[in-house]
Amino acid sequence: MSGATLLVRYDPVDQEVGIAEHNRENLRRQALREQQRAAYRVSHPDARRITLSKEQKAQSDWSADRHAVPPTHGVCRASIAAWMRRSPSRRWM
């Protein structure tokens, strides 16, 4: 097997403006989602699946793509599908 290895060093100066802040926000939202899921498990120990409210989902939705999570408040599925067709590189995680 042959291949090449590229050694790199992380330098925050090389990031686009806003990327580090976006990543911090994603980490915050991901931690919040885990807290919400844990609280649901405690309050519904016999539930087969975890069901979060729309408000909880809106508070904790996140994406690695800076603009991939469209606002869902008052948006129907057809609008979201149309948004995804216009933005083929942006997919739900």
Protein backbone atom coordinates (compact mmCIF):
# COMPACT_ATOMS: atom_id res chain seq x y z
CA MET A 1 0.00 0.00 0.00
CA SER A 2 1.43 3.37 -0.90
CA GLY A 3 0.23 6.74 0.18
CA ALA A 4 1.22 10.17 1.28
CA THR A 5 0.99 11.78 4.65
CA LEU A 6 0.44 15.48 5.04
CA LEU A 7 1.51 17.00 8.34
CA VAL A 8 -0.22 20.20 9.31
CA ARG A 9 -0.40 22.43 12.32
CA TYR A 10 -3.58 24.16 13.49
CA ASP A 11 -3.36 27.93 13.55
CA PRO A 12 -6.54 29.83 14.51
CA VAL A 13 -5.40 32.79 12.39
CA ASP A 14 -5.94 30.65 9.28
CA GLN A 15 -9.67 30.19 9.93
CA GLU A 16 -12.32 32.23 8.17
CA VAL A 17 -13.88 34.96 10.25
CA GLY A 18 -16.66 33.55 12.44
CA ILE A 19 -15.71 29.85 12.14
CA ALA A 20 -14.36 29.54 15.68
CA GLU A 21 -17.44 31.29 17.07
CA HIS A 22 -19.71 29.04 15.00
CA ASN A 23 -17.89 25.95 16.30
CA ARG A 24 -18.26 27.14 19.90
CA GLU A 25 -21.99 27.68 19.32
CA ASN A 26 -22.27 24.17 17.82
CA LEU A 27 -20.58 22.69 20.90
CA ARG A 28 -22.95 24.61 23.18
CA ARG A 29 -25.99 23.40 21.22
CA GLN A 30 -24.72 19.82 21.13
CA ALA A 31 -24.22 19.83 24.92
CA LEU A 32 -27.71 21.29 25.37
CA ARG A 33 -29.17 18.53 23.16
CA GLU A 34 -27.48 15.87 25.29
CA GLN A 35 -28.87 17.50 28.46
CA GLN A 36 -32.36 17.58 26.93
CA ARG A 37 -32.13 13.92 25.94
CA ALA A 38 -30.86 12.89 29.39
CA ALA A 39 -33.68 14.82 31.10
CA TYR A 40 -36.23 13.12 28.84
CA ARG A 41 -34.81 9.68 29.66
CA VAL A 42 -35.08 10.42 33.39
CA SER A 43 -38.65 11.68 33.17
CA HIS A 44 -39.77 8.93 30.72
CA PRO A 45 -37.78 5.80 31.67
CA ASP A 46 -40.09 3.43 29.76
CA ALA A 47 -40.15 5.45 26.52
CA ARG A 48 -38.94 3.59 23.45
CA ARG A 49 -37.69 6.79 21.82
CA ILE A 50 -36.80 10.30 22.86
CA THR A 51 -39.18 13.00 21.70
CA LEU A 52 -38.16 16.62 22.14
CA SER A 53 -40.54 19.56 21.75
CA LYS A 54 -40.24 21.94 18.79
CA GLU A 55 -38.84 24.57 21.13
CA GLN A 56 -36.19 22.19 22.47
CA LYS A 57 -35.21 21.16 18.96
CA ALA A 58 -34.96 24.79 17.83
CA GLN A 59 -32.72 25.58 20.82
CA SER A 60 -30.35 22.68 20.19
CA ASP A 61 -30.27 22.09 16.41
CA TRP A 62 -26.77 22.52 15.04
CA SER A 63 -24.78 21.87 11.90
CA ALA A 64 -21.14 21.88 10.84
CA ASP A 65 -22.18 23.91 7.80
CA ARG A 66 -22.48 27.53 8.93
CA HIS A 67 -25.88 28.07 7.32
CA ALA A 68 -27.23 24.54 7.01
CA VAL A 69 -29.97 24.66 9.62
CA PRO A 70 -32.82 26.73 8.20
CA PRO A 71 -35.19 28.44 10.59
CA THR A 72 -38.12 26.09 11.20
CA HIS A 73 -40.44 28.34 13.19
CA GLY A 74 -43.54 28.67 11.03
CA VAL A 75 -41.96 26.89 8.05
CA CYS A 76 -43.73 23.98 6.38
CA ARG A 77 -42.02 20.86 5.07
CA ALA A 78 -42.51 21.99 1.46
CA SER A 79 -40.58 25.19 2.20
CA ILE A 80 -37.74 23.23 3.76
CA ALA A 81 -37.66 20.83 0.80
CA ALA A 82 -37.54 23.78 -1.61
CA TRP A 83 -34.72 25.32 0.41
CA MET A 84 -32.77 22.06 0.22
CA ARG A 85 -33.28 21.81 -3.56
CA ARG A 86 -31.84 25.33 -3.95
CA SER A 87 -28.90 24.40 -1.75
CA PRO A 88 -27.80 20.89 -2.76
CA SER A 89 -24.53 21.10 -0.83
CA ARG A 90 -26.41 21.76 2.42
CA ARG A 91 -27.82 18.57 3.81
CA TRP A 92 -29.28 17.68 7.19
CA MET A 93 -26.97 15.82 9.47
